[in-house]
Amino acid sequence: MSPGAVSAWTPQSVCTPSCVRGGGDRPFPGVVALRAALVILVAPLLPLLAVPIPGRVRLQRGCCLLVLRVFGVRVTTTGGPVRNLRGMLVVSAHVSWLDVFVIGAISPGTFVARADLISWPGIGTLARLMRIVPIERDSLRGLPVVVQTVADRLRAGRTVVAFPEGTTWCGRAHGRFYPAMFQAAVDAARPVQPLQLSYHHHDGAVSTVPAFVGDDTLVASMRRLITARRTVAHVHVAALQLPGNDRRELAARCQAAAGSRVRRRRRARVAC
């Protein structure tokens, strides 16, 4: 994941591929081979996530669960119920491309994602079909258009998922929730659902295996998941937040609810 040219305001993460550590135990070679084969078989089916047919939300959730199963990922949830409200902004800390499938498995919707995702082989086609809202991380000028698009979708009753850290972190360290995307919820007067997303090894220890940070590649990230014994994605559904009138205050409330503490960034170089 090449950092490219960035401006002074662009969200930055201190996490690099050196933060990523394996989980020790590995599955049997036959399991690894089966997972790799299933990745090849399932990839052509991903566009089904965007098919406009009755029951599409259920289909989207099922396809996300299938993708997770292929990579040996199991999802557990705690906290409140996953609400099926019309016009809700869902926010979470950002660790990996896998986050989209984890959240899609429990709260299907459209996502705000990096614009270059559309150019990725396979995933780019899915991104266009799912009407992902593209955001240029290094373009401050284009940000108001993205916020307006998200607000319009919220008013139309769509669920929109955003990662307000603006970039990925390894899972042991986190960045701040930037307030820009929360302006869409304020403008549309729609609630925000914070999620606390974390990844764990089969023994419960925090896992950085799914992390997609720095100049890591998608292939390398997928390989780590396939060769890990098991990865558990844990999602804690925090209390629903009313939008209020102040995007910064709303961002702070959601960050606290999601358990992504800014102070952890100062220890990131050591923690990673």
Protein backbone atom coordinates (compact mmCIF):
# COMPACT_ATOMS: atom_id res chain seq x y z
CA MET A 1 0.00 0.00 0.00
CA SER A 2 2.07 2.84 -1.32
CA PRO A 3 1.79 6.04 0.69
CA GLY A 4 2.17 8.24 -2.34
CA ALA A 5 2.23 12.00 -2.11
CA VAL A 6 0.44 13.39 0.90
CA SER A 7 -0.38 16.84 2.17
CA ALA A 8 0.17 18.19 5.66
CA TRP A 9 -3.43 17.54 6.75
CA THR A 10 -3.61 13.96 5.43
CA PRO A 11 -4.18 11.39 8.22
CA GLN A 12 -0.93 9.58 8.95
CA SER A 13 -0.29 6.30 10.72
CA VAL A 14 2.99 5.39 12.41
CA CYS A 15 2.24 1.70 11.78
CA THR A 16 4.29 -0.16 9.16
CA PRO A 17 4.48 -3.80 8.02
CA SER A 18 7.04 -4.32 10.81
CA CYS A 19 4.10 -4.05 13.24
CA VAL A 20 2.62 -7.24 11.81
CA ARG A 21 3.46 -10.45 13.61
CA GLY A 22 2.32 -13.99 12.90
CA GLY A 23 0.21 -16.01 15.26
CA GLY A 24 2.62 -18.89 15.86
CA ASP A 25 0.41 -21.96 15.21
CA ARG A 26 -0.41 -22.60 11.58
CA PRO A 27 -3.13 -24.78 10.05
CA PHE A 28 -2.39 -28.05 8.30
CA PRO A 29 -0.95 -27.59 4.78
CA GLY A 30 -4.13 -29.06 3.34
CA VAL A 31 -6.19 -26.34 5.02
CA VAL A 32 -3.94 -23.65 3.55
CA ALA A 33 -4.28 -25.17 0.08
CA LEU A 34 -8.07 -25.40 0.44
CA ARG A 35 -8.33 -21.76 1.52
CA ALA A 36 -6.18 -20.62 -1.41
CA ALA A 37 -8.37 -22.58 -3.83
CA LEU A 38 -11.55 -21.14 -2.32
CA VAL A 39 -10.21 -17.60 -2.69
CA ILE A 40 -9.90 -18.23 -6.43
CA LEU A 41 -13.39 -19.74 -6.62
CA VAL A 42 -15.15 -17.12 -4.49
CA ALA A 43 -13.60 -14.01 -6.08
CA PRO A 44 -15.87 -14.07 -9.18
CA LEU A 45 -18.93 -14.22 -6.91
CA LEU A 46 -18.17 -10.98 -5.05
CA PRO A 47 -20.13 -8.76 -7.50
CA LEU A 48 -23.27 -10.52 -6.22
CA LEU A 49 -22.97 -8.21 -3.19
CA ALA A 50 -24.30 -5.41 -5.36
CA VAL A 51 -27.09 -7.22 -7.25
CA PRO A 52 -30.33 -5.19 -6.82
CA ILE A 53 -32.67 -8.09 -6.04
CA PRO A 54 -35.14 -8.69 -3.19
CA GLY A 55 -33.28 -9.79 -0.09
CA ARG A 56 -30.03 -8.17 -1.27
CA VAL A 57 -29.09 -7.17 2.29
CA ARG A 58 -29.31 -10.79 3.39
CA LEU A 59 -27.30 -11.84 0.34
CA GLN A 60 -24.68 -9.20 1.06
CA ARG A 61 -24.34 -10.38 4.65
CA GLY A 62 -24.08 -14.00 3.52
CA CYS A 63 -21.41 -13.23 0.92
CA CYS A 64 -19.37 -11.31 3.48
CA LEU A 65 -19.55 -14.25 5.89
CA LEU A 66 -18.47 -16.57 3.07
CA VAL A 67 -15.41 -14.42 2.31
CA LEU A 68 -14.48 -14.37 6.00
CA ARG A 69 -14.86 -18.13 6.26
CA VAL A 70 -12.60 -18.61 3.26
CA PHE A 71 -9.84 -16.66 5.05
CA GLY A 72 -10.39 -18.55 8.29
CA VAL A 73 -12.00 -15.58 10.04
CA ARG A 74 -14.79 -15.98 12.59
CA VAL A 75 -16.91 -13.02 13.74
CA THR A 76 -18.15 -12.54 17.30
CA THR A 77 -20.26 -9.65 18.58
CA THR A 78 -21.01 -8.13 21.98
CA GLY A 79 -22.79 -5.05 23.22
CA GLY A 80 -26.11 -3.73 22.01
CA PRO A 81 -28.22 -5.11 19.17
CA VAL A 82 -27.24 -4.31 15.59
CA ARG A 83 -29.94 -1.82 14.66
CA ASN A 84 -31.48 -1.81 11.22
CA LEU A 85 -32.28 1.89 11.12
CA ARG A 86 -32.88 3.79 7.90
CA GLY A 87 -30.21 6.39 7.35
CA MET A 88 -27.49 5.52 9.86
CA LEU A 89 -23.78 6.36 9.80
CA VAL A 90 -21.63 3.47 11.05
CA VAL A 91 -18.08 4.28 12.16
CA SER A 92 -15.17 2.11 13.26
CA ALA A 93 -11.42 2.13 13.72
CA HIS A 94 -9.62 0.98 10.57
CA VAL A 95 -7.16 -1.94 10.47
CA SER A 96 -7.53 -3.73 7.16
CA TRP A 97 -9.36 -4.20 3.87
CA LEU A 98 -10.97 -7.08 5.79
CA ASP A 99 -12.91 -4.53 7.89
CA VAL A 100 -15.35 -4.05 5.02
CA PHE A 101 -16.36 -7.72 5.10
CA VAL A 102 -16.51 -7.91 8.90
CA ILE A 103 -18.80 -4.90 9.17
CA GLY A 104 -20.73 -5.95 6.06
CA ALA A 105 -21.48 -9.26 7.76
CA ILE A 106 -23.27 -7.57 10.66
CA SER A 107 -24.44 -4.23 9.23
CA PRO A 108 -24.54 -4.22 5.41
CA GLY A 109 -24.35 -0.83 3.73
CA THR A 110 -22.26 1.30 1.41
CA PHE A 111 -18.74 2.32 2.35
CA VAL A 112 -16.59 5.42 2.17
CA ALA A 113 -13.28 4.11 0.83
CA ARG A 114 -10.00 5.28 -0.67
CA ALA A 115 -10.46 6.30 -4.29
CA ASP A 116 -7.68 4.10 -5.67
CA LEU A 117 -9.62 1.04 -4.44
CA ILE A 118 -11.64 1.34 -7.64
CA SER A 119 -8.51 0.55 -9.69
CA TRP A 120 -7.67 -2.67 -7.79
CA PRO A 121 -8.20 -5.87 -9.82
CA GLY A 122 -11.43 -7.66 -8.88
CA ILE A 123 -12.08 -5.58 -5.76
CA GLY A 124 -12.31 -2.44 -7.92
CA THR A 125 -15.20 -3.89 -9.91
CA LEU A 126 -17.00 -4.75 -6.69
CA ALA A 127 -16.33 -1.25 -5.34
CA ARG A 128 -17.98 0.36 -8.36
CA LEU A 129 -20.98 -1.99 -8.22
CA MET A 130 -21.47 -1.32 -4.51
CA ARG A 131 -21.49 2.44 -5.21
CA ILE A 132 -18.64 3.02 -2.77
CA VAL A 133 -18.11 6.69 -2.02
CA PRO A 134 -14.52 7.35 -3.13
CA ILE A 135 -12.36 9.72 -1.11
CA GLU A 136 -8.98 11.16 -2.10
CA ARG A 137 -6.98 11.24 1.12
CA ASP A 138 -4.62 13.92 -0.19
CA SER A 139 -7.32 16.21 -1.62
CA LEU A 140 -8.78 18.60 0.94
CA ARG A 141 -10.68 20.37 -1.83
CA GLY A 142 -12.72 17.27 -2.65
CA LEU A 143 -13.73 16.53 0.96
CA PRO A 144 -16.92 18.69 1.02
CA VAL A 145 -18.27 16.78 -1.98
CA VAL A 146 -17.72 13.46 -0.19
CA VAL A 147 -19.43 14.75 2.97
CA GLN A 148 -22.37 16.01 0.90
CA THR A 149 -22.68 12.65 -0.88
CA VAL A 150 -22.73 10.78 2.44
CA ALA A 151 -25.33 13.21 3.87
CA ASP A 152 -27.55 12.70 0.81
CA ARG A 153 -27.38 8.93 1.19
CA LEU A 154 -28.22 9.17 4.88
CA ARG A 155 -31.26 11.34 4.07
CA ALA A 156 -32.28 8.72 1.49
CA GLY A 157 -32.33 6.08 4.24
CA ARG A 158 -29.09 4.32 3.33
CA THR A 159 -26.64 2.89 5.83
CA VAL A 160 -23.17 4.35 5.20
CA VAL A 161 -20.00 2.95 6.79
CA ALA A 162 -16.95 5.21 7.26
CA PHE A 163 -13.54 4.87 8.89
CA PRO A 164 -12.90 8.31 10.40
CA GLU A 165 -9.25 7.61 11.27
CA GLY A 166 -8.67 8.21 7.57
CA THR A 167 -6.04 5.47 7.28
CA THR A 168 -5.26 2.01 8.61
CA TRP A 169 -3.51 1.19 11.89
CA CYS A 170 -2.14 -2.16 13.03
CA GLY A 171 -4.77 -2.87 15.71
CA ARG A 172 -2.41 -2.41 18.67
CA ALA A 173 -2.26 1.33 18.05
CA HIS A 174 -4.99 3.71 16.87
CA GLY A 175 -5.33 7.22 15.49
CA ARG A 176 -7.85 9.96 16.18
CA PHE A 177 -11.32 10.11 14.67
CA TYR A 178 -11.26 13.08 12.28
CA PRO A 179 -14.52 15.07 12.47
CA ALA A 180 -15.11 15.75 8.76
CA MET A 181 -17.26 12.68 8.03
CA PHE A 182 -19.37 13.29 11.12
CA GLN A 183 -20.56 16.54 9.52
CA ALA A 184 -22.67 14.38 7.19
CA ALA A 185 -24.58 12.93 10.16
CA VAL A 186 -25.04 16.44 11.62
CA ASP A 187 -26.29 17.83 8.29
CA ALA A 188 -28.66 14.90 7.73
CA ALA A 189 -29.71 14.78 11.41
CA ARG A 190 -29.14 11.04 11.47
CA PRO A 191 -27.68 8.88 14.30
CA VAL A 192 -24.20 7.36 14.36
CA GLN A 193 -23.44 3.76 15.33
CA PRO A 194 -19.87 3.35 16.66
CA LEU A 195 -18.35 -0.13 16.42
CA GLN A 196 -15.31 -1.34 18.33
CA LEU A 197 -13.52 -3.69 15.91
CA SER A 198 -10.54 -5.79 16.95
CA TYR A 199 -8.80 -8.92 15.68
CA HIS A 200 -7.55 -11.80 17.83
CA HIS A 201 -5.68 -15.08 17.57
CA HIS A 202 -7.50 -18.29 18.49
CA ASP A 203 -6.11 -17.97 22.04
CA GLY A 204 -7.62 -14.49 22.51
CA ALA A 205 -4.42 -12.45 22.11
CA VAL A 206 -4.64 -9.33 19.92
CA SER A 207 -3.71 -10.15 16.33
CA THR A 208 -2.00 -7.89 13.79
CA VAL A 209 -2.19 -10.55 11.06
CA PRO A 210 -5.06 -8.82 9.18
CA ALA A 211 -3.38 -5.39 9.36
CA PHE A 212 -2.90 -3.64 6.00
CA VAL A 213 -0.51 -0.77 6.75
CA GLY A 214 2.34 1.19 5.23
CA ASP A 215 3.61 -0.22 1.93
CA ASP A 216 2.10 -3.65 2.53
CA THR A 217 0.54 -5.41 -0.47
CA LEU A 218 -2.89 -6.96 -0.78
CA VAL A 219 -1.38 -10.31 -1.78
CA ALA A 220 0.90 -10.37 1.27
CA SER A 221 -2.03 -9.49 3.53
CA MET A 222 -4.17 -12.27 2.08
CA ARG A 223 -1.32 -14.76 2.41
CA ARG A 224 -0.96 -14.01 6.13
CA LEU A 225 -4.64 -14.66 6.72
CA ILE A 226 -4.69 -17.87 4.72
CA THR A 227 -1.71 -19.27 6.61
CA ALA A 228 -2.95 -18.26 10.09
CA ARG A 229 -4.60 -21.00 12.14
CA ARG A 230 -7.66 -18.88 12.93
CA THR A 231 -8.46 -15.19 13.19
CA VAL A 232 -11.34 -13.94 15.31
CA ALA A 233 -12.87 -10.57 14.41
CA HIS A 234 -14.60 -9.19 17.48
CA VAL A 235 -17.15 -6.39 17.06
CA HIS A 236 -18.52 -4.57 20.08
CA VAL A 237 -21.70 -2.65 19.24
CA ALA A 238 -21.49 0.54 21.30
CA ALA A 239 -24.31 2.87 22.28
CA LEU A 240 -26.00 4.71 19.41
CA GLN A 241 -24.99 8.37 19.29
CA LEU A 242 -27.37 11.21 18.40
CA PRO A 243 -25.80 13.68 15.93
CA GLY A 244 -26.17 16.93 17.85
CA ASN A 245 -24.85 20.12 16.26
CA ASP A 246 -21.08 19.85 16.74
CA ARG A 247 -19.15 17.42 14.55
CA ARG A 248 -16.03 17.57 16.75
CA GLU A 249 -17.99 16.73 19.87
CA LEU A 250 -19.76 13.94 17.99
CA ALA A 251 -16.43 12.54 16.78
CA ALA A 252 -15.05 12.57 20.33
CA ARG A 253 -18.13 10.77 21.67
CA CYS A 254 -17.91 8.10 18.96
CA GLN A 255 -14.17 7.63 19.48
CA ALA A 256 -14.72 7.09 23.20
CA ALA A 257 -17.57 4.66 22.49
CA ALA A 258 -15.46 2.74 19.96
CA GLY A 259 -12.63 2.38 22.48
CA SER A 260 -10.07 3.84 20.06
CA ARG A 261 -8.06 6.10 22.37
CA VAL A 262 -5.90 8.80 20.82
CA ARG A 263 -3.27 8.54 23.54
CA ARG A 264 -2.35 5.09 22.29
CA ARG A 265 -0.75 6.74 19.25
CA ARG A 266 2.05 8.11 21.43
CA ARG A 267 3.00 4.57 22.42
CA ALA A 268 2.56 3.19 18.93
CA ARG A 269 6.27 3.00 18.08
CA VAL A 270 6.86 0.91 21.18
CA ALA A 271 3.61 -1.09 21.09
CA CYS A 272 4.17 -2.13 17.49
